[in-house]
Structures are given as structure tokens and as C-alpha cells.
Amino acid sequence: MPGTMTAGGKTPPSVQARFEDALAKLPDGYVDGHFGNRSWGVTVKRSEDGKRTWLYGQELSGTNIVSFNLYRLAGPGPILKPCEMSSAKVIEFVLGFEPTTIKAVMAEK
């Protein structure tokens, strides 16, 4: 809820802030990982000017996919454009995806 305080007196980060933070931690290019106890392959591409981030994820042992563009243009905030799925599905995936490749581990250092 907006304005909710934790026991320590701090406002918890918004879903949007957590989403953007989780997305920023994903490395450019391809990375393997897990979401919902299933293996996924995810590709992230960022424009050179930083105004567009594209993500395509595919469940490796199934048919489920996640795909979206995030635009950072002039205005009040970023614009999330999911590709034929809900914003909620995209946000849940990015928040829950756990990269497992060496490339992802090195990117966190």
C-alpha cells in the first residue's frame, strides 16, 4: 500500500522500484536461470541511450514465454509494454527470476 511503513519506520520500496532494480541487475545478453521451479532462458537487450530495455524469456522445458519492452522517455516515469500478456505476469517474472549462469554471478560483483 502507498505510504505503508515498516516496523523500522521506513517506507518499503514500491513494486515499480523493486521491478526496475531486479531488471537492472540482469546482465545484457543471454542468461539461464529459474522461475517457479522451472528452467528458463532469458535474453536482455538495452539501447545505447538507455531509453529502451527489451526482455524475452522462454521456459526451456515448456511453452511459456515472457516478453516486454520498457521505455524511459520524457514524462512521469518508465512505460512498460508487455507483448501479448499482462503487466502483472511480466513484473512477477522479473521479480522472481533467479539467474544461474557464471555470467550472471560475475555481473553481481
C-alpha atoms as a PDB file:
ATOM      1  CA  MET A   1       0.000   0.000   0.000  1.00  0.00           C
ATOM      2  CA  PRO A   2       1.257   3.504  -0.684  1.00  0.00           C
ATOM      3  CA  GLY A   3       2.616   5.168   2.403  1.00  0.00           C
ATOM      4  CA  THR A   4       2.876   1.928   4.409  1.00  0.00           C
ATOM      5  CA  MET A   5       5.665   1.984   6.958  1.00  0.00           C
ATOM      6  CA  THR A   6       7.698  -0.970   8.187  1.00  0.00           C
ATOM      7  CA  ALA A   7       8.450  -1.619  11.855  1.00  0.00           C
ATOM      8  CA  GLY A   8      11.753   0.236  11.409  1.00  0.00           C
ATOM      9  CA  GLY A   9       9.887   3.374  10.297  1.00  0.00           C
ATOM     10  CA  LYS A  10      10.980   3.108   6.670  1.00  0.00           C
ATOM     11  CA  THR A  11       8.694   3.031   3.659  1.00  0.00           C
ATOM     12  CA  PRO A  12       9.136  -0.257   1.751  1.00  0.00           C
ATOM     13  CA  PRO A  13      10.180   0.095  -1.882  1.00  0.00           C
ATOM     14  CA  SER A  14       7.328   0.212  -4.371  1.00  0.00           C
ATOM     15  CA  VAL A  15       6.689  -2.686  -6.722  1.00  0.00           C
ATOM     16  CA  GLN A  16       7.854  -0.465  -9.577  1.00  0.00           C
ATOM     17  CA  ALA A  17      11.136   0.304  -7.790  1.00  0.00           C
ATOM     18  CA  ARG A  18      11.744  -3.372  -6.984  1.00  0.00           C
ATOM     19  CA  PHE A  19      10.916  -4.319 -10.605  1.00  0.00           C
ATOM     20  CA  GLU A  20      13.330  -1.738 -12.028  1.00  0.00           C
ATOM     21  CA  ASP A  21      16.060  -2.807  -9.577  1.00  0.00           C
ATOM     22  CA  ALA A  22      15.639  -6.507 -10.442  1.00  0.00           C
ATOM     23  CA  LEU A  23      15.667  -5.727 -14.176  1.00  0.00           C
ATOM     24  CA  ALA A  24      18.801  -3.586 -13.829  1.00  0.00           C
ATOM     25  CA  LYS A  25      20.613  -6.498 -12.160  1.00  0.00           C
ATOM     26  CA  LEU A  26      20.048  -8.811 -15.133  1.00  0.00           C
ATOM     27  CA  PRO A  27      23.047  -8.871 -17.468  1.00  0.00           C
ATOM     28  CA  ASP A  28      22.852  -7.903 -21.135  1.00  0.00           C
ATOM     29  CA  GLY A  29      22.615 -10.857 -23.480  1.00  0.00           C
ATOM     30  CA  TYR A  30      21.528 -14.401 -22.705  1.00  0.00           C
ATOM     31  CA  VAL A  31      21.352 -15.920 -19.239  1.00  0.00           C
ATOM     32  CA  ASP A  32      19.958 -19.216 -17.910  1.00  0.00           C
ATOM     33  CA  GLY A  33      18.006 -19.278 -14.696  1.00  0.00           C
ATOM     34  CA  HIS A  34      14.974 -20.463 -12.783  1.00  0.00           C
ATOM     35  CA  PHE A  35      11.499 -19.127 -12.206  1.00  0.00           C
ATOM     36  CA  GLY A  36       8.778 -21.069 -10.432  1.00  0.00           C
ATOM     37  CA  ASN A  37      10.986 -24.178 -10.105  1.00  0.00           C
ATOM     38  CA  ARG A  38      11.418 -24.332 -13.889  1.00  0.00           C
ATOM     39  CA  SER A  39      14.427 -23.647 -16.090  1.00  0.00           C
ATOM     40  CA  TRP A  40      14.286 -20.527 -18.246  1.00  0.00           C
ATOM     41  CA  GLY A  41      16.465 -18.860 -20.841  1.00  0.00           C
ATOM     42  CA  VAL A  42      16.328 -15.060 -20.864  1.00  0.00           C
ATOM     43  CA  THR A  43      17.767 -12.512 -23.286  1.00  0.00           C
ATOM     44  CA  VAL A  44      18.045  -8.839 -22.293  1.00  0.00           C
ATOM     45  CA  LYS A  45      18.966  -6.048 -24.691  1.00  0.00           C
ATOM     46  CA  ARG A  46      19.395  -2.406 -23.709  1.00  0.00           C
ATOM     47  CA  SER A  47      19.597   0.505 -26.139  1.00  0.00           C
ATOM     48  CA  GLU A  48      22.823   2.500 -26.132  1.00  0.00           C
ATOM     49  CA  ASP A  49      20.990   5.613 -24.922  1.00  0.00           C
ATOM     50  CA  GLY A  50      19.393   3.688 -22.030  1.00  0.00           C
ATOM     51  CA  LYS A  51      15.862   4.597 -23.096  1.00  0.00           C
ATOM     52  CA  ARG A  52      14.731   1.072 -24.008  1.00  0.00           C
ATOM     53  CA  THR A  53      15.141  -2.330 -22.371  1.00  0.00           C
ATOM     54  CA  TRP A  54      13.854  -5.451 -24.123  1.00  0.00           C
ATOM     55  CA  LEU A  55      13.466  -8.832 -22.421  1.00  0.00           C
ATOM     56  CA  TYR A  56      12.462 -12.168 -23.894  1.00  0.00           C
ATOM     57  CA  GLY A  57      12.275 -15.216 -21.653  1.00  0.00           C
ATOM     58  CA  GLN A  58      11.303 -18.754 -22.556  1.00  0.00           C
ATOM     59  CA  GLU A  59      10.639 -21.730 -20.332  1.00  0.00           C
ATOM     60  CA  LEU A  60      13.214 -24.292 -21.508  1.00  0.00           C
ATOM     61  CA  SER A  61      11.101 -27.381 -20.834  1.00  0.00           C
ATOM     62  CA  GLY A  62       7.747 -25.903 -21.838  1.00  0.00           C
ATOM     63  CA  THR A  63       5.950 -23.334 -23.933  1.00  0.00           C
ATOM     64  CA  ASN A  64       5.632 -20.413 -21.513  1.00  0.00           C
ATOM     65  CA  ILE A  65       7.224 -17.088 -22.503  1.00  0.00           C
ATOM     66  CA  VAL A  66       7.652 -13.587 -21.105  1.00  0.00           C
ATOM     67  CA  SER A  67       8.349 -10.653 -23.411  1.00  0.00           C
ATOM     68  CA  PHE A  68       8.275  -6.890 -22.971  1.00  0.00           C
ATOM     69  CA  ASN A  69       9.818  -3.517 -23.704  1.00  0.00           C
ATOM     70  CA  LEU A  70      10.437  -0.909 -21.015  1.00  0.00           C
ATOM     71  CA  TYR A  71      10.735   2.664 -22.272  1.00  0.00           C
ATOM     72  CA  ARG A  72      12.285   5.520 -20.304  1.00  0.00           C
ATOM     73  CA  LEU A  73      11.068   8.614 -22.108  1.00  0.00           C
ATOM     74  CA  ALA A  74      10.396  12.199 -21.091  1.00  0.00           C
ATOM     75  CA  GLY A  75       7.491  12.160 -18.662  1.00  0.00           C
ATOM     76  CA  PRO A  76       6.494  10.966 -15.224  1.00  0.00           C
ATOM     77  CA  GLY A  77       8.147   7.540 -15.356  1.00  0.00           C
ATOM     78  CA  PRO A  78       9.021   4.469 -17.386  1.00  0.00           C
ATOM     79  CA  ILE A  79       6.431   2.835 -19.637  1.00  0.00           C
ATOM     80  CA  LEU A  80       6.097  -0.953 -19.543  1.00  0.00           C
ATOM     81  CA  LYS A  81       4.808  -2.510 -22.771  1.00  0.00           C
ATOM     82  CA  PRO A  82       4.245  -6.268 -22.363  1.00  0.00           C
ATOM     83  CA  CYS A  83       3.969  -8.314 -25.559  1.00  0.00           C
ATOM     84  CA  GLU A  84       0.544 -10.012 -25.529  1.00  0.00           C
ATOM     85  CA  MET A  85       0.478 -10.660 -21.773  1.00  0.00           C
ATOM     86  CA  SER A  86      -0.383  -8.802 -18.600  1.00  0.00           C
ATOM     87  CA  SER A  87       1.932  -6.361 -16.860  1.00  0.00           C
ATOM     88  CA  ALA A  88       1.396  -8.405 -13.697  1.00  0.00           C
ATOM     89  CA  LYS A  89       2.887 -11.514 -15.370  1.00  0.00           C
ATOM     90  CA  VAL A  90       5.932  -9.521 -16.526  1.00  0.00           C
ATOM     91  CA  ILE A  91       6.508  -7.967 -13.102  1.00  0.00           C
ATOM     92  CA  GLU A  92       6.091 -11.296 -11.284  1.00  0.00           C
ATOM     93  CA  PHE A  93       8.607 -12.916 -13.637  1.00  0.00           C
ATOM     94  CA  VAL A  94      11.292 -10.231 -13.317  1.00  0.00           C
ATOM     95  CA  LEU A  95      10.940 -10.150  -9.516  1.00  0.00           C
ATOM     96  CA  GLY A  96      11.109 -13.949  -9.254  1.00  0.00           C
ATOM     97  CA  PHE A  97      13.670 -14.888 -11.924  1.00  0.00           C
ATOM     98  CA  GLU A  98      16.951 -16.247 -10.480  1.00  0.00           C
ATOM     99  CA  PRO A  99      19.887 -16.250 -12.933  1.00  0.00           C
ATOM    100  CA  THR A 100      22.199 -19.264 -12.555  1.00  0.00           C
ATOM    101  CA  THR A 101      24.962 -18.844 -15.137  1.00  0.00           C
ATOM    102  CA  ILE A 102      28.507 -17.698 -14.381  1.00  0.00           C
ATOM    103  CA  LYS A 103      27.884 -14.550 -16.423  1.00  0.00           C
ATOM    104  CA  ALA A 104      25.063 -13.531 -14.058  1.00  0.00           C
ATOM    105  CA  VAL A 105      27.151 -14.234 -10.957  1.00  0.00           C
ATOM    106  CA  MET A 106      30.023 -12.143 -12.311  1.00  0.00           C
ATOM    107  CA  ALA A 107      27.664  -9.274 -13.148  1.00  0.00           C
ATOM    108  CA  GLU A 108      26.652  -9.027  -9.468  1.00  0.00           C
ATOM    109  CA  LYS A 109      30.248  -8.484  -8.314  1.00  0.00           C
END
